[in-house]
Amino acid sequence: MKALSIRQPWAWLIIHGSKDVENRSWHTKYRGRFLVHASAGCTRKQWAEAVSFALEAGLIKHPAEIPPINELLLGGIVGSVELVDSVDHSESPWYMGQKGFLLRYPKPLAFTPYKGRLGFFDVQGVTP
């Protein structure tokens, strides 16, 4: 199964929040369900910037809607989601990149530690 590493708290927002676009600088031809891998690193600054963005865009009402940095799972598979398109523009408030992967039907999974990689990568032994 394919997986994609995504920094926290963005990975959490895809699986548990309303984040329906993953911003990238590249397109993909891949379509279908993939595993969401939470990257091993997340600084307080990165967490604060993500929370601030979600607040300012009206996507959350209070910072407590996103788990504190010390409660986010890092360095493993946290869920799966379906990739339905790769676009140059989206009306989604989550779109802020050069390209966007449109996501649907997130599903949380039991945390599975796993080393991430760049781009889509294959994972064995994890069922979405």
C-alpha atoms as a PDB file:
ATOM      1  CA  MET A   1       0.000   0.000   0.000  1.00  0.00           C
ATOM      2  CA  LYS A   2       1.215   3.533  -0.727  1.00  0.00           C
ATOM      3  CA  ALA A   3       1.926   6.013   2.066  1.00  0.00           C
ATOM      4  CA  LEU A   4       2.806   9.702   2.220  1.00  0.00           C
ATOM      5  CA  SER A   5       4.651  11.449   5.056  1.00  0.00           C
ATOM      6  CA  ILE A   6       2.901  14.555   6.345  1.00  0.00           C
ATOM      7  CA  ARG A   7       4.071  16.772   9.196  1.00  0.00           C
ATOM      8  CA  GLN A   8       1.985  17.097  12.309  1.00  0.00           C
ATOM      9  CA  PRO A   9      -0.450  18.622  13.082  1.00  0.00           C
ATOM     10  CA  TRP A  10      -1.404  18.577   9.381  1.00  0.00           C
ATOM     11  CA  ALA A  11      -1.605  14.756   9.427  1.00  0.00           C
ATOM     12  CA  TRP A  12      -3.944  14.928  12.439  1.00  0.00           C
ATOM     13  CA  LEU A  13      -6.087  17.542  10.683  1.00  0.00           C
ATOM     14  CA  ILE A  14      -6.460  15.270   7.635  1.00  0.00           C
ATOM     15  CA  ILE A  15      -7.505  12.257   9.705  1.00  0.00           C
ATOM     16  CA  HIS A  16      -9.507  13.953  12.492  1.00  0.00           C
ATOM     17  CA  GLY A  17     -10.186  17.477  11.259  1.00  0.00           C
ATOM     18  CA  SER A  18     -11.581  18.859   8.064  1.00  0.00           C
ATOM     19  CA  LYS A  19      -8.364  19.180   6.040  1.00  0.00           C
ATOM     20  CA  ASP A  20      -9.345  18.050   2.560  1.00  0.00           C
ATOM     21  CA  VAL A  21      -6.285  19.251   0.633  1.00  0.00           C
ATOM     22  CA  GLU A  22      -2.644  18.250   1.056  1.00  0.00           C
ATOM     23  CA  ASN A  23      -0.477  21.030  -0.378  1.00  0.00           C
ATOM     24  CA  ARG A  24       2.575  20.057  -2.404  1.00  0.00           C
ATOM     25  CA  SER A  25       4.880  21.557  -5.023  1.00  0.00           C
ATOM     26  CA  TRP A  26       4.324  18.606  -7.370  1.00  0.00           C
ATOM     27  CA  HIS A  27       1.456  16.748  -9.022  1.00  0.00           C
ATOM     28  CA  THR A  28       0.794  13.040  -8.772  1.00  0.00           C
ATOM     29  CA  LYS A  29      -0.996  10.642 -11.092  1.00  0.00           C
ATOM     30  CA  TYR A  30      -1.750   8.398  -8.121  1.00  0.00           C
ATOM     31  CA  ARG A  31      -5.433   8.024  -7.229  1.00  0.00           C
ATOM     32  CA  GLY A  32      -6.921   5.930  -4.476  1.00  0.00           C
ATOM     33  CA  ARG A  33      -6.490   5.249  -0.775  1.00  0.00           C
ATOM     34  CA  PHE A  34      -3.091   5.798   0.817  1.00  0.00           C
ATOM     35  CA  LEU A  35      -1.700   5.619   4.339  1.00  0.00           C
ATOM     36  CA  VAL A  36      -1.055   8.872   6.173  1.00  0.00           C
ATOM     37  CA  HIS A  37       2.377   8.761   7.795  1.00  0.00           C
ATOM     38  CA  ALA A  38       3.029  11.349  10.501  1.00  0.00           C
ATOM     39  CA  SER A  39       6.593  12.592  10.083  1.00  0.00           C
ATOM     40  CA  ALA A  40       9.009  12.109  12.955  1.00  0.00           C
ATOM     41  CA  GLY A  41       9.580  15.829  13.463  1.00  0.00           C
ATOM     42  CA  CYS A  42       7.306  18.635  14.598  1.00  0.00           C
ATOM     43  CA  THR A  43       8.632  21.794  16.189  1.00  0.00           C
ATOM     44  CA  ARG A  44       6.613  24.075  18.457  1.00  0.00           C
ATOM     45  CA  LYS A  45       6.886  26.743  15.759  1.00  0.00           C
ATOM     46  CA  GLN A  46       5.448  24.404  13.091  1.00  0.00           C
ATOM     47  CA  TRP A  47       2.607  23.411  15.427  1.00  0.00           C
ATOM     48  CA  ALA A  48       1.858  27.051  16.271  1.00  0.00           C
ATOM     49  CA  GLU A  49       1.895  28.093  12.596  1.00  0.00           C
ATOM     50  CA  ALA A  50      -0.580  25.347  11.681  1.00  0.00           C
ATOM     51  CA  VAL A  51      -2.904  26.226  14.563  1.00  0.00           C
ATOM     52  CA  SER A  52      -2.662  29.921  13.723  1.00  0.00           C
ATOM     53  CA  PHE A  53      -3.522  29.242  10.070  1.00  0.00           C
ATOM     54  CA  ALA A  54      -6.553  27.135  11.025  1.00  0.00           C
ATOM     55  CA  LEU A  55      -7.766  29.804  13.472  1.00  0.00           C
ATOM     56  CA  GLU A  56      -7.308  32.732  11.069  1.00  0.00           C
ATOM     57  CA  ALA A  57      -9.030  30.852   8.250  1.00  0.00           C
ATOM     58  CA  GLY A  58     -11.955  30.040  10.546  1.00  0.00           C
ATOM     59  CA  LEU A  59     -11.340  26.303  10.215  1.00  0.00           C
ATOM     60  CA  ILE A  60     -11.214  25.866  13.982  1.00  0.00           C
ATOM     61  CA  LYS A  61     -12.656  28.060  16.719  1.00  0.00           C
ATOM     62  CA  HIS A  62     -10.141  27.369  19.484  1.00  0.00           C
ATOM     63  CA  PRO A  63      -6.546  26.032  19.595  1.00  0.00           C
ATOM     64  CA  ALA A  64      -7.675  23.257  21.949  1.00  0.00           C
ATOM     65  CA  GLU A  65      -9.428  21.605  18.987  1.00  0.00           C
ATOM     66  CA  ILE A  66      -5.984  20.393  17.879  1.00  0.00           C
ATOM     67  CA  PRO A  67      -4.018  18.207  20.309  1.00  0.00           C
ATOM     68  CA  PRO A  68      -1.016  19.820  21.982  1.00  0.00           C
ATOM     69  CA  ILE A  69       2.319  19.076  20.369  1.00  0.00           C
ATOM     70  CA  ASN A  70       3.331  16.607  23.097  1.00  0.00           C
ATOM     71  CA  GLU A  71       0.210  14.483  22.403  1.00  0.00           C
ATOM     72  CA  LEU A  72       0.604  14.194  18.623  1.00  0.00           C
ATOM     73  CA  LEU A  73       1.794  10.848  17.298  1.00  0.00           C
ATOM     74  CA  LEU A  74       5.065  11.115  15.359  1.00  0.00           C
ATOM     75  CA  GLY A  75       7.043   8.742  13.181  1.00  0.00           C
ATOM     76  CA  GLY A  76       4.369   6.321  12.027  1.00  0.00           C
ATOM     77  CA  ILE A  77       1.136   5.499  10.265  1.00  0.00           C
ATOM     78  CA  VAL A  78      -1.871   7.295  11.796  1.00  0.00           C
ATOM     79  CA  GLY A  79      -4.625   6.667   9.246  1.00  0.00           C
ATOM     80  CA  SER A  80      -5.609   6.469   5.615  1.00  0.00           C
ATOM     81  CA  VAL A  81      -7.393   8.741   3.165  1.00  0.00           C
ATOM     82  CA  GLU A  82      -8.509   8.625  -0.450  1.00  0.00           C
ATOM     83  CA  LEU A  83      -6.742  10.843  -2.998  1.00  0.00           C
ATOM     84  CA  VAL A  84      -9.292  11.828  -5.647  1.00  0.00           C
ATOM     85  CA  ASP A  85      -7.411  14.448  -7.692  1.00  0.00           C
ATOM     86  CA  SER A  86      -4.244  16.521  -8.037  1.00  0.00           C
ATOM     87  CA  VAL A  87      -5.017  20.161  -8.887  1.00  0.00           C
ATOM     88  CA  ASP A  88      -3.479  23.574  -9.563  1.00  0.00           C
ATOM     89  CA  HIS A  89      -6.260  25.406  -7.709  1.00  0.00           C
ATOM     90  CA  SER A  90      -8.969  24.666  -5.169  1.00  0.00           C
ATOM     91  CA  GLU A  91     -11.677  26.657  -3.410  1.00  0.00           C
ATOM     92  CA  SER A  92     -10.958  24.722  -0.210  1.00  0.00           C
ATOM     93  CA  PRO A  93      -9.737  26.992   2.590  1.00  0.00           C
ATOM     94  CA  TRP A  94      -6.997  24.406   3.187  1.00  0.00           C
ATOM     95  CA  TYR A  95      -5.477  25.054  -0.257  1.00  0.00           C
ATOM     96  CA  MET A  96      -2.387  27.222   0.041  1.00  0.00           C
ATOM     97  CA  GLY A  97       0.223  25.567  -2.106  1.00  0.00           C
ATOM     98  CA  GLN A  98       1.419  25.406  -5.647  1.00  0.00           C
ATOM     99  CA  LYS A  99      -0.442  22.116  -6.134  1.00  0.00           C
ATOM    100  CA  GLY A 100      -3.031  20.299  -4.074  1.00  0.00           C
ATOM    101  CA  PHE A 101      -4.024  16.689  -3.527  1.00  0.00           C
ATOM    102  CA  LEU A 102      -7.801  16.547  -3.001  1.00  0.00           C
ATOM    103  CA  LEU A 103      -8.624  14.155  -0.177  1.00  0.00           C
ATOM    104  CA  ARG A 104     -11.802  12.352   0.890  1.00  0.00           C
ATOM    105  CA  TYR A 105     -12.941   9.741   3.392  1.00  0.00           C
ATOM    106  CA  PRO A 106     -10.273   9.861   6.121  1.00  0.00           C
ATOM    107  CA  LYS A 107     -10.022   6.852   8.399  1.00  0.00           C
ATOM    108  CA  PRO A 108      -8.018   6.742  11.654  1.00  0.00           C
ATOM    109  CA  LEU A 109      -5.896   3.634  12.197  1.00  0.00           C
ATOM    110  CA  ALA A 110      -4.059   2.256  15.203  1.00  0.00           C
ATOM    111  CA  PHE A 111      -0.635   3.914  15.338  1.00  0.00           C
ATOM    112  CA  THR A 112       2.071   1.867  13.648  1.00  0.00           C
ATOM    113  CA  PRO A 113       5.662   3.131  14.005  1.00  0.00           C
ATOM    114  CA  TYR A 114       7.245   3.359  10.560  1.00  0.00           C
ATOM    115  CA  LYS A 115      10.149   5.221   9.002  1.00  0.00           C
ATOM    116  CA  GLY A 116       8.947   7.799   6.488  1.00  0.00           C
ATOM    117  CA  ARG A 117      10.352   8.738   3.098  1.00  0.00           C
ATOM    118  CA  LEU A 118       9.957  11.482   0.532  1.00  0.00           C
ATOM    119  CA  GLY A 119       7.063  11.217  -1.908  1.00  0.00           C
ATOM    120  CA  PHE A 120       4.763   8.214  -1.999  1.00  0.00           C
ATOM    121  CA  PHE A 121       6.363   5.052  -0.674  1.00  0.00           C
ATOM    122  CA  ASP A 122       5.309   1.440  -0.205  1.00  0.00           C
ATOM    123  CA  VAL A 123       4.346   0.059   3.193  1.00  0.00           C
ATOM    124  CA  GLN A 124       3.863  -3.627   3.905  1.00  0.00           C
ATOM    125  CA  GLY A 125       1.756  -5.115   6.672  1.00  0.00           C
ATOM    126  CA  VAL A 126      -0.610  -2.194   7.379  1.00  0.00           C
ATOM    127  CA  THR A 127      -4.249  -2.552   6.339  1.00  0.00           C
ATOM    128  CA  PRO A 128      -6.220   0.605   5.651  1.00  0.00           C
END
